[in-house]
Amino acid sequence: MNVQSILAEKTVSVTELRKKPCDYFLDEPVAVLSNNKTAGYMISAELYEQMVALIDSQSKTSQFRPSQTRLAQIAEHGSASLLAASEEELGEL
């Protein structure tokens, strides 16, 4: 007999989930069962976003995702730096 862990306190069958899926997007995981086996988990969008942010913050490689405003600031700073550079500095590029 194969025993499977359920990593959630709440469960729902696929049949019940089909009736009202929005009822199960909670701020805690809900295990979705098919034939009494875990088919997957459902969580709210807010909790998913928190999980992604936590994973990103723990990642050794940074995810550089500037906002449109920040990207414009970076471009403006780069442009100003190039315009202010001397011929010697530009020659090094």
PDB file of N, CA and C in Angstrom:
ATOM      1  N   MET A   1       0.834  -1.176   0.000  1.00  0.00           N
ATOM      2  CA  MET A   1       0.000   0.000   0.000  1.00  0.00           C
ATOM      3  C   MET A   1       0.886   1.249   0.000  1.00  0.00           C
ATOM      4  N   ASN A   2       0.656   2.146  -0.940  1.00  0.00           N
ATOM      5  CA  ASN A   2       1.431   3.368  -1.090  1.00  0.00           C
ATOM      6  C   ASN A   2       0.724   4.508  -0.361  1.00  0.00           C
ATOM      7  N   VAL A   3       1.408   5.135   0.596  1.00  0.00           N
ATOM      8  CA  VAL A   3       0.832   6.239   1.361  1.00  0.00           C
ATOM      9  C   VAL A   3       1.389   7.545   0.811  1.00  0.00           C
ATOM     10  N   GLN A   4       0.483   8.488   0.540  1.00  0.00           N
ATOM     11  CA  GLN A   4       0.879   9.771  -0.022  1.00  0.00           C
ATOM     12  C   GLN A   4       0.617  10.867   1.001  1.00  0.00           C
ATOM     13  N   SER A   5       1.570  11.773   1.144  1.00  0.00           N
ATOM     14  CA  SER A   5       1.411  12.901   2.058  1.00  0.00           C
ATOM     15  C   SER A   5       0.488  13.942   1.449  1.00  0.00           C
ATOM     16  N   ILE A   6      -0.324  14.559   2.292  1.00  0.00           N
ATOM     17  CA  ILE A   6      -1.143  15.686   1.878  1.00  0.00           C
ATOM     18  C   ILE A   6      -0.611  16.884   2.649  1.00  0.00           C
ATOM     19  N   LEU A   7      -0.076  17.852   1.924  1.00  0.00           N
ATOM     20  CA  LEU A   7       0.582  18.997   2.539  1.00  0.00           C
ATOM     21  C   LEU A   7      -0.366  20.180   2.694  1.00  0.00           C
ATOM     22  N   ALA A   8      -1.574  19.904   3.167  1.00  0.00           N
ATOM     23  CA  ALA A   8      -2.573  20.946   3.400  1.00  0.00           C
ATOM     24  C   ALA A   8      -3.549  20.456   4.452  1.00  0.00           C
ATOM     25  N   GLU A   9      -4.120  21.392   5.198  1.00  0.00           N
ATOM     26  CA  GLU A   9      -5.108  21.017   6.204  1.00  0.00           C
ATOM     27  C   GLU A   9      -6.494  20.834   5.595  1.00  0.00           C
ATOM     28  N   LYS A  10      -6.739  21.502   4.463  1.00  0.00           N
ATOM     29  CA  LYS A  10      -8.039  21.404   3.805  1.00  0.00           C
ATOM     30  C   LYS A  10      -7.893  20.617   2.512  1.00  0.00           C
ATOM     31  N   THR A  11      -8.938  19.855   2.199  1.00  0.00           N
ATOM     32  CA  THR A  11      -8.948  19.092   0.961  1.00  0.00           C
ATOM     33  C   THR A  11     -10.289  19.286   0.253  1.00  0.00           C
ATOM     34  N   VAL A  12     -10.280  19.027  -1.047  1.00  0.00           N
ATOM     35  CA  VAL A  12     -11.501  19.070  -1.849  1.00  0.00           C
ATOM     36  C   VAL A  12     -11.340  18.050  -2.965  1.00  0.00           C
ATOM     37  N   SER A  13     -12.436  17.396  -3.312  1.00  0.00           N
ATOM     38  CA  SER A  13     -12.387  16.457  -4.434  1.00  0.00           C
ATOM     39  C   SER A  13     -12.492  17.239  -5.736  1.00  0.00           C
ATOM     40  N   VAL A  14     -12.019  16.650  -6.807  1.00  0.00           N
ATOM     41  CA  VAL A  14     -12.111  17.281  -8.110  1.00  0.00           C
ATOM     42  C   VAL A  14     -13.580  17.538  -8.456  1.00  0.00           C
ATOM     43  N   THR A  15     -14.456  16.612  -8.096  1.00  0.00           N
ATOM     44  CA  THR A  15     -15.888  16.757  -8.369  1.00  0.00           C
ATOM     45  C   THR A  15     -16.451  17.993  -7.680  1.00  0.00           C
ATOM     46  N   GLU A  16     -16.150  18.172  -6.401  1.00  0.00           N
ATOM     47  CA  GLU A  16     -16.629  19.343  -5.656  1.00  0.00           C
ATOM     48  C   GLU A  16     -15.989  20.623  -6.172  1.00  0.00           C
ATOM     49  N   LEU A  17     -14.729  20.553  -6.536  1.00  0.00           N
ATOM     50  CA  LEU A  17     -14.012  21.713  -7.047  1.00  0.00           C
ATOM     51  C   LEU A  17     -14.661  22.248  -8.323  1.00  0.00           C
ATOM     52  N   ARG A  18     -15.123  21.362  -9.175  1.00  0.00           N
ATOM     53  CA  ARG A  18     -15.761  21.772 -10.433  1.00  0.00           C
ATOM     54  C   ARG A  18     -17.033  22.581 -10.195  1.00  0.00           C
ATOM     55  N   LYS A  19     -17.712  22.333  -9.089  1.00  0.00           N
ATOM     56  CA  LYS A  19     -18.972  23.029  -8.810  1.00  0.00           C
ATOM     57  C   LYS A  19     -18.754  24.501  -8.488  1.00  0.00           C
ATOM     58  N   LYS A  20     -17.766  24.809  -7.662  1.00  0.00           N
ATOM     59  CA  LYS A  20     -17.495  26.185  -7.236  1.00  0.00           C
ATOM     60  C   LYS A  20     -15.997  26.381  -7.036  1.00  0.00           C
ATOM     61  N   PRO A  21     -15.239  26.477  -8.115  1.00  0.00           N
ATOM     62  CA  PRO A  21     -13.785  26.563  -7.979  1.00  0.00           C
ATOM     63  C   PRO A  21     -13.305  27.787  -7.195  1.00  0.00           C
ATOM     64  N   CYS A  22     -13.992  28.917  -7.317  1.00  0.00           N
ATOM     65  CA  CYS A  22     -13.536  30.137  -6.631  1.00  0.00           C
ATOM     66  C   CYS A  22     -13.608  30.025  -5.113  1.00  0.00           C
ATOM     67  N   ASP A  23     -14.392  29.088  -4.608  1.00  0.00           N
ATOM     68  CA  ASP A  23     -14.488  28.901  -3.156  1.00  0.00           C
ATOM     69  C   ASP A  23     -13.205  28.344  -2.553  1.00  0.00           C
ATOM     70  N   TYR A  24     -12.307  27.855  -3.388  1.00  0.00           N
ATOM     71  CA  TYR A  24     -11.119  27.179  -2.880  1.00  0.00           C
ATOM     72  C   TYR A  24      -9.821  27.951  -3.108  1.00  0.00           C
ATOM     73  N   PHE A  25      -9.912  29.174  -3.606  1.00  0.00           N
ATOM     74  CA  PHE A  25      -8.729  30.030  -3.704  1.00  0.00           C
ATOM     75  C   PHE A  25      -8.580  30.749  -2.370  1.00  0.00           C
ATOM     76  N   LEU A  26      -7.914  30.114  -1.438  1.00  0.00           N
ATOM     77  CA  LEU A  26      -7.785  30.613  -0.074  1.00  0.00           C
ATOM     78  C   LEU A  26      -6.356  31.059   0.200  1.00  0.00           C
ATOM     79  N   ASP A  27      -6.167  31.682   1.362  1.00  0.00           N
ATOM     80  CA  ASP A  27      -4.825  32.110   1.768  1.00  0.00           C
ATOM     81  C   ASP A  27      -4.077  30.995   2.484  1.00  0.00           C
ATOM     82  N   GLU A  28      -4.478  29.802   2.217  1.00  0.00           N
ATOM     83  CA  GLU A  28      -3.774  28.607   2.671  1.00  0.00           C
ATOM     84  C   GLU A  28      -3.986  27.541   1.596  1.00  0.00           C
ATOM     85  N   PRO A  29      -3.075  26.601   1.468  1.00  0.00           N
ATOM     86  CA  PRO A  29      -3.223  25.605   0.406  1.00  0.00           C
ATOM     87  C   PRO A  29      -4.419  24.687   0.644  1.00  0.00           C
ATOM     88  N   VAL A  30      -5.059  24.305  -0.447  1.00  0.00           N
ATOM     89  CA  VAL A  30      -6.141  23.328  -0.420  1.00  0.00           C
ATOM     90  C   VAL A  30      -5.710  22.190  -1.347  1.00  0.00           C
ATOM     91  N   ALA A  31      -5.636  20.988  -0.801  1.00  0.00           N
ATOM     92  CA  ALA A  31      -5.254  19.828  -1.602  1.00  0.00           C
ATOM     93  C   ALA A  31      -6.443  19.382  -2.445  1.00  0.00           C
ATOM     94  N   VAL A  32      -6.217  19.206  -3.735  1.00  0.00           N
ATOM     95  CA  VAL A  32      -7.257  18.737  -4.649  1.00  0.00           C
ATOM     96  C   VAL A  32      -7.035  17.240  -4.849  1.00  0.00           C
ATOM     97  N   LEU A  33      -8.067  16.456  -4.503  1.00  0.00           N
ATOM     98  CA  LEU A  33      -7.933  15.000  -4.557  1.00  0.00           C
ATOM     99  C   LEU A  33      -8.682  14.415  -5.740  1.00  0.00           C
ATOM    100  N   SER A  34      -8.036  13.475  -6.390  1.00  0.00           N
ATOM    101  CA  SER A  34      -8.652  12.710  -7.464  1.00  0.00           C
ATOM    102  C   SER A  34      -8.435  11.243  -7.129  1.00  0.00           C
ATOM    103  N   ASN A  35      -9.515  10.516  -6.964  1.00  0.00           N
ATOM    104  CA  ASN A  35      -9.445   9.103  -6.548  1.00  0.00           C
ATOM    105  C   ASN A  35      -8.636   8.958  -5.261  1.00  0.00           C
ATOM    106  N   ASN A  36      -8.870   9.877  -4.328  1.00  0.00           N
ATOM    107  CA  ASN A  36      -8.220   9.894  -3.014  1.00  0.00           C
ATOM    108  C   ASN A  36      -6.703  10.058  -3.075  1.00  0.00           C
ATOM    109  N   LYS A  37      -6.216  10.599  -4.159  1.00  0.00           N
ATOM    110  CA  LYS A  37      -4.794  10.916  -4.290  1.00  0.00           C
ATOM    111  C   LYS A  37      -4.667  12.396  -4.603  1.00  0.00           C
ATOM    112  N   THR A  38      -3.614  13.028  -4.086  1.00  0.00           N
ATOM    113  CA  THR A  38      -3.417  14.455  -4.322  1.00  0.00           C
ATOM    114  C   THR A  38      -3.079  14.697  -5.792  1.00  0.00           C
ATOM    115  N   ALA A  39      -3.958  15.455  -6.460  1.00  0.00           N
ATOM    116  CA  ALA A  39      -3.733  15.801  -7.866  1.00  0.00           C
ATOM    117  C   ALA A  39      -3.021  17.141  -7.975  1.00  0.00           C
ATOM    118  N   GLY A  40      -3.166  17.981  -6.954  1.00  0.00           N
ATOM    119  CA  GLY A  40      -2.534  19.293  -6.969  1.00  0.00           C
ATOM    120  C   GLY A  40      -2.995  20.101  -5.772  1.00  0.00           C
ATOM    121  N   TYR A  41      -2.594  21.353  -5.760  1.00  0.00           N
ATOM    122  CA  TYR A  41      -2.942  22.258  -4.674  1.00  0.00           C
ATOM    123  C   TYR A  41      -3.474  23.558  -5.250  1.00  0.00           C
ATOM    124  N   MET A  42      -4.402  24.180  -4.551  1.00  0.00           N
ATOM    125  CA  MET A  42      -4.929  25.485  -4.950  1.00  0.00           C
ATOM    126  C   MET A  42      -4.599  26.491  -3.862  1.00  0.00           C
ATOM    127  N   ILE A  43      -4.222  27.696  -4.283  1.00  0.00           N
ATOM    128  CA  ILE A  43      -3.955  28.784  -3.351  1.00  0.00           C
ATOM    129  C   ILE A  43      -4.450  30.088  -3.982  1.00  0.00           C
ATOM    130  N   SER A  44      -4.563  31.118  -3.172  1.00  0.00           N
ATOM    131  CA  SER A  44      -4.985  32.418  -3.684  1.00  0.00           C
ATOM    132  C   SER A  44      -3.856  33.058  -4.482  1.00  0.00           C
ATOM    133  N   ALA A  45      -4.218  34.029  -5.308  1.00  0.00           N
ATOM    134  CA  ALA A  45      -3.217  34.763  -6.095  1.00  0.00           C
ATOM    135  C   ALA A  45      -2.248  35.483  -5.161  1.00  0.00           C
ATOM    136  N   GLU A  46      -2.767  36.059  -4.084  1.00  0.00           N
ATOM    137  CA  GLU A  46      -1.919  36.792  -3.132  1.00  0.00           C
ATOM    138  C   GLU A  46      -0.877  35.875  -2.504  1.00  0.00           C
ATOM    139  N   LEU A  47      -1.288  34.683  -2.086  1.00  0.00           N
ATOM    140  CA  LEU A  47      -0.348  33.741  -1.484  1.00  0.00           C
ATOM    141  C   LEU A  47       0.680  33.266  -2.506  1.00  0.00           C
ATOM    142  N   TYR A  48       0.248  33.028  -3.729  1.00  0.00           N
ATOM    143  CA  TYR A  48       1.182  32.617  -4.783  1.00  0.00           C
ATOM    144  C   TYR A  48       2.235  33.701  -5.019  1.00  0.00           C
ATOM    145  N   GLU A  49       1.794  34.958  -5.088  1.00  0.00           N
ATOM    146  CA  GLU A  49       2.729  36.065  -5.303  1.00  0.00           C
ATOM    147  C   GLU A  49       3.720  36.181  -4.143  1.00  0.00           C
ATOM    148  N   GLN A  50       3.254  35.950  -2.920  1.00  0.00           N
ATOM    149  CA  GLN A  50       4.147  35.977  -1.757  1.00  0.00           C
ATOM    150  C   GLN A  50       5.175  34.857  -1.854  1.00  0.00           C
ATOM    151  N   MET A  51       4.743  33.687  -2.297  1.00  0.00           N
ATOM    152  CA  MET A  51       5.659  32.553  -2.429  1.00  0.00           C
ATOM    153  C   MET A  51       6.729  32.838  -3.485  1.00  0.00           C
ATOM    154  N   VAL A  52       6.317  33.408  -4.620  1.00  0.00           N
ATOM    155  CA  VAL A  52       7.275  33.737  -5.683  1.00  0.00           C
ATOM    156  C   VAL A  52       8.274  34.775  -5.182  1.00  0.00           C
ATOM    157  N   ALA A  53       7.781  35.785  -4.457  1.00  0.00           N
ATOM    158  CA  ALA A  53       8.672  36.817  -3.913  1.00  0.00           C
ATOM    159  C   ALA A  53       9.667  36.203  -2.932  1.00  0.00           C
ATOM    160  N   LEU A  54       9.210  35.280  -2.095  1.00  0.00           N
ATOM    161  CA  LEU A  54      10.094  34.617  -1.140  1.00  0.00           C
ATOM    162  C   LEU A  54      11.151  33.787  -1.857  1.00  0.00           C
ATOM    163  N   ILE A  55      10.743  33.063  -2.880  1.00  0.00           N
ATOM    164  CA  ILE A  55      11.701  32.257  -3.648  1.00  0.00           C
ATOM    165  C   ILE A  55      12.723  33.162  -4.322  1.00  0.00           C
ATOM    166  N   ASP A  56      12.247  34.269  -4.923  1.00  0.00           N
ATOM    167  CA  ASP A  56      13.163  35.220  -5.557  1.00  0.00           C
ATOM    168  C   ASP A  56      14.147  35.795  -4.554  1.00  0.00           C
ATOM    169  N   SER A  57      13.680  36.116  -3.355  1.00  0.00           N
ATOM    170  CA  SER A  57      14.560  36.718  -2.350  1.00  0.00           C
ATOM    171  C   SER A  57      15.594  35.714  -1.832  1.00  0.00           C
ATOM    172  N   GLN A  58      15.279  34.438  -1.883  1.00  0.00           N
ATOM    173  CA  GLN A  58      16.203  33.413  -1.408  1.00  0.00           C
ATOM    174  C   GLN A  58      17.138  32.919  -2.509  1.00  0.00           C
ATOM    175  N   SER A  59      16.839  33.282  -3.732  1.00  0.00           N
ATOM    176  CA  SER A  59      17.630  32.840  -4.874  1.00  0.00           C
ATOM    177  C   SER A  59      18.997  33.495  -4.857  1.00  0.00           C
ATOM    178  N   LYS A  60      20.008  32.748  -5.235  1.00  0.00           N
ATOM    179  CA  LYS A  60      21.362  33.299  -5.264  1.00  0.00           C
ATOM    180  C   LYS A  60      21.557  34.216  -6.457  1.00  0.00           C
ATOM    181  N   THR A  61      20.790  34.002  -7.511  1.00  0.00           N
ATOM    182  CA  THR A  61      20.880  34.884  -8.670  1.00  0.00           C
ATOM    183  C   THR A  61      19.711  35.857  -8.613  1.00  0.00           C
ATOM    184  N   SER A  62      20.013  37.097  -8.786  1.00  0.00           N
ATOM    185  CA  SER A  62      19.007  38.142  -8.688  1.00  0.00           C
ATOM    186  C   SER A  62      18.167  38.212  -9.955  1.00  0.00           C
ATOM    187  N   GLN A  63      16.913  38.494  -9.792  1.00  0.00           N
ATOM    188  CA  GLN A  63      16.013  38.713 -10.915  1.00  0.00           C
ATOM    189  C   GLN A  63      15.870  40.222 -11.087  1.00  0.00           C
ATOM    190  N   PHE A  64      16.465  40.782 -12.130  1.00  0.00           N
ATOM    191  CA  PHE A  64      16.415  42.220 -12.362  1.00  0.00           C
ATOM    192  C   PHE A  64      15.152  42.524 -13.149  1.00  0.00           C
ATOM    193  N   ARG A  65      14.150  43.075 -12.460  1.00  0.00           N
ATOM    194  CA  ARG A  65      12.883  43.411 -13.096  1.00  0.00           C
ATOM    195  C   ARG A  65      12.484  44.833 -12.722  1.00  0.00           C
ATOM    196  N   PRO A  66      13.097  45.841 -13.366  1.00  0.00           N
ATOM    197  CA  PRO A  66      12.749  47.212 -13.012  1.00  0.00           C
ATOM    198  C   PRO A  66      11.368  47.586 -13.539  1.00  0.00           C
ATOM    199  N   SER A  67      10.734  48.505 -12.826  1.00  0.00           N
ATOM    200  CA  SER A  67       9.457  49.028 -13.302  1.00  0.00           C
ATOM    201  C   SER A  67       9.713  49.915 -14.509  1.00  0.00           C
ATOM    202  N   GLN A  68       8.668  50.286 -15.201  1.00  0.00           N
ATOM    203  CA  GLN A  68       8.817  51.146 -16.373  1.00  0.00           C
ATOM    204  C   GLN A  68       9.428  52.483 -15.979  1.00  0.00           C
ATOM    205  N   THR A  69       9.014  53.018 -14.825  1.00  0.00           N
ATOM    206  CA  THR A  69       9.554  54.283 -14.336  1.00  0.00           C
ATOM    207  C   THR A  69      11.038  54.153 -14.035  1.00  0.00           C
ATOM    208  N   ARG A  70      11.417  53.087 -13.348  1.00  0.00           N
ATOM    209  CA  ARG A  70      12.830  52.878 -12.996  1.00  0.00           C
ATOM    210  C   ARG A  70      13.672  52.647 -14.247  1.00  0.00           C
ATOM    211  N   LEU A  71      13.131  51.941 -15.215  1.00  0.00           N
ATOM    212  CA  LEU A  71      13.855  51.702 -16.457  1.00  0.00           C
ATOM    213  C   LEU A  71      14.109  53.022 -17.193  1.00  0.00           C
ATOM    214  N   ALA A  72      13.133  53.924 -17.172  1.00  0.00           N
ATOM    215  CA  ALA A  72      13.307  55.242 -17.793  1.00  0.00           C
ATOM    216  C   ALA A  72      14.391  56.036 -17.067  1.00  0.00           C
ATOM    217  N   GLN A  73      14.428  55.932 -15.722  1.00  0.00           N
ATOM    218  CA  GLN A  73      15.463  56.626 -14.944  1.00  0.00           C
ATOM    219  C   GLN A  73      16.848  56.089 -15.280  1.00  0.00           C
ATOM    220  N   ILE A  74      16.964  54.784 -15.414  1.00  0.00           N
ATOM    221  CA  ILE A  74      18.251  54.161 -15.745  1.00  0.00           C
ATOM    222  C   ILE A  74      18.711  54.622 -17.122  1.00  0.00           C
ATOM    223  N   ALA A  75      17.793  54.636 -18.093  1.00  0.00           N
ATOM    224  CA  ALA A  75      18.134  55.076 -19.446  1.00  0.00           C
ATOM    225  C   ALA A  75      18.551  56.541 -19.453  1.00  0.00           C
ATOM    226  N   GLU A  76      17.841  57.373 -18.698  1.00  0.00           N
ATOM    227  CA  GLU A  76      18.166  58.799 -18.636  1.00  0.00           C
ATOM    228  C   GLU A  76      19.546  59.014 -18.013  1.00  0.00           C
ATOM    229  N   HIS A  77      19.838  58.285 -16.949  1.00  0.00           N
ATOM    230  CA  HIS A  77      21.146  58.388 -16.301  1.00  0.00           C
ATOM    231  C   HIS A  77      22.257  57.941 -17.251  1.00  0.00           C
ATOM    232  N   GLY A  78      22.027  56.842 -17.962  1.00  0.00           N
ATOM    233  CA  GLY A  78      23.021  56.354 -18.920  1.00  0.00           C
ATOM    234  C   GLY A  78      23.265  57.354 -20.036  1.00  0.00           C
ATOM    235  N   SER A  79      22.186  57.958 -20.521  1.00  0.00           N
ATOM    236  CA  SER A  79      22.300  58.959 -21.587  1.00  0.00           C
ATOM    237  C   SER A  79      23.086  60.172 -21.105  1.00  0.00           C
ATOM    238  N   ALA A  80      22.776  60.654 -19.893  1.00  0.00           N
ATOM    239  CA  ALA A  80      23.480  61.805 -19.329  1.00  0.00           C
ATOM    240  C   ALA A  80      24.955  61.486 -19.119  1.00  0.00           C
ATOM    241  N   SER A  81      25.249  60.279 -18.683  1.00  0.00           N
ATOM    242  CA  SER A  81      26.642  59.878 -18.465  1.00  0.00           C
ATOM    243  C   SER A  81      27.417  59.848 -19.773  1.00  0.00           C
ATOM    244  N   LEU A  82      26.791  59.346 -20.825  1.00  0.00           N
ATOM    245  CA  LEU A  82      27.459  59.305 -22.128  1.00  0.00           C
ATOM    246  C   LEU A  82      27.703  60.714 -22.672  1.00  0.00           C
ATOM    247  N   LEU A  83      26.708  61.592 -22.518  1.00  0.00           N
ATOM    248  CA  LEU A  83      26.864  62.960 -23.017  1.00  0.00           C
ATOM    249  C   LEU A  83      27.936  63.732 -22.249  1.00  0.00           C
ATOM    250  N   ALA A  84      28.119  63.411 -20.970  1.00  0.00           N
ATOM    251  CA  ALA A  84      29.093  64.121 -20.130  1.00  0.00           C
ATOM    252  C   ALA A  84      30.501  63.516 -20.231  1.00  0.00           C
ATOM    253  N   ALA A  85      30.616  62.358 -20.867  1.00  0.00           N
ATOM    254  CA  ALA A  85      31.916  61.666 -20.939  1.00  0.00           C
ATOM    255  C   ALA A  85      32.872  62.398 -21.861  1.00  0.00           C
ATOM    256  N   SER A  86      34.144  62.342 -21.511  1.00  0.00           N
ATOM    257  CA  SER A  86      35.182  62.964 -22.345  1.00  0.00           C
ATOM    258  C   SER A  86      35.522  62.038 -23.500  1.00  0.00           C
ATOM    259  N   GLU A  87      36.269  62.572 -24.466  1.00  0.00           N
ATOM    260  CA  GLU A  87      36.703  61.766 -25.621  1.00  0.00           C
ATOM    261  C   GLU A  87      37.546  60.578 -25.166  1.00  0.00           C
ATOM    262  N   GLU A  88      38.372  60.808 -24.128  1.00  0.00           N
ATOM    263  CA  GLU A  88      39.219  59.711 -23.596  1.00  0.00           C
ATOM    264  C   GLU A  88      38.353  58.594 -23.043  1.00  0.00           C
ATOM    265  N   GLU A  89      37.376  58.977 -22.221  1.00  0.00           N
ATOM    266  CA  GLU A  89      36.482  57.967 -21.627  1.00  0.00           C
ATOM    267  C   GLU A  89      35.692  57.228 -22.689  1.00  0.00           C
ATOM    268  N   LEU A  90      35.240  57.929 -23.700  1.00  0.00           N
ATOM    269  CA  LEU A  90      34.498  57.280 -24.774  1.00  0.00           C
ATOM    270  C   LEU A  90      35.396  56.368 -25.606  1.00  0.00           C
ATOM    271  N   GLY A  91      36.654  56.737 -25.727  1.00  0.00           N
ATOM    272  CA  GLY A  91      37.608  55.912 -26.458  1.00  0.00           C
ATOM    273  C   GLY A  91      37.804  54.551 -25.803  1.00  0.00           C
ATOM    274  N   GLU A  92      37.643  54.481 -24.493  1.00  0.00           N
ATOM    275  CA  GLU A  92      37.808  53.226 -23.762  1.00  0.00           C
ATOM    276  C   GLU A  92      36.653  52.282 -24.005  1.00  0.00           C
ATOM    277  N   LEU A  93      35.512  52.798 -24.438  1.00  0.00           N
ATOM    278  CA  LEU A  93      34.361  51.956 -24.711  1.00  0.00           C
ATOM    279  C   LEU A  93      34.609  51.203 -25.989  1.00  0.00           C
TER     280      LEU A  93
END
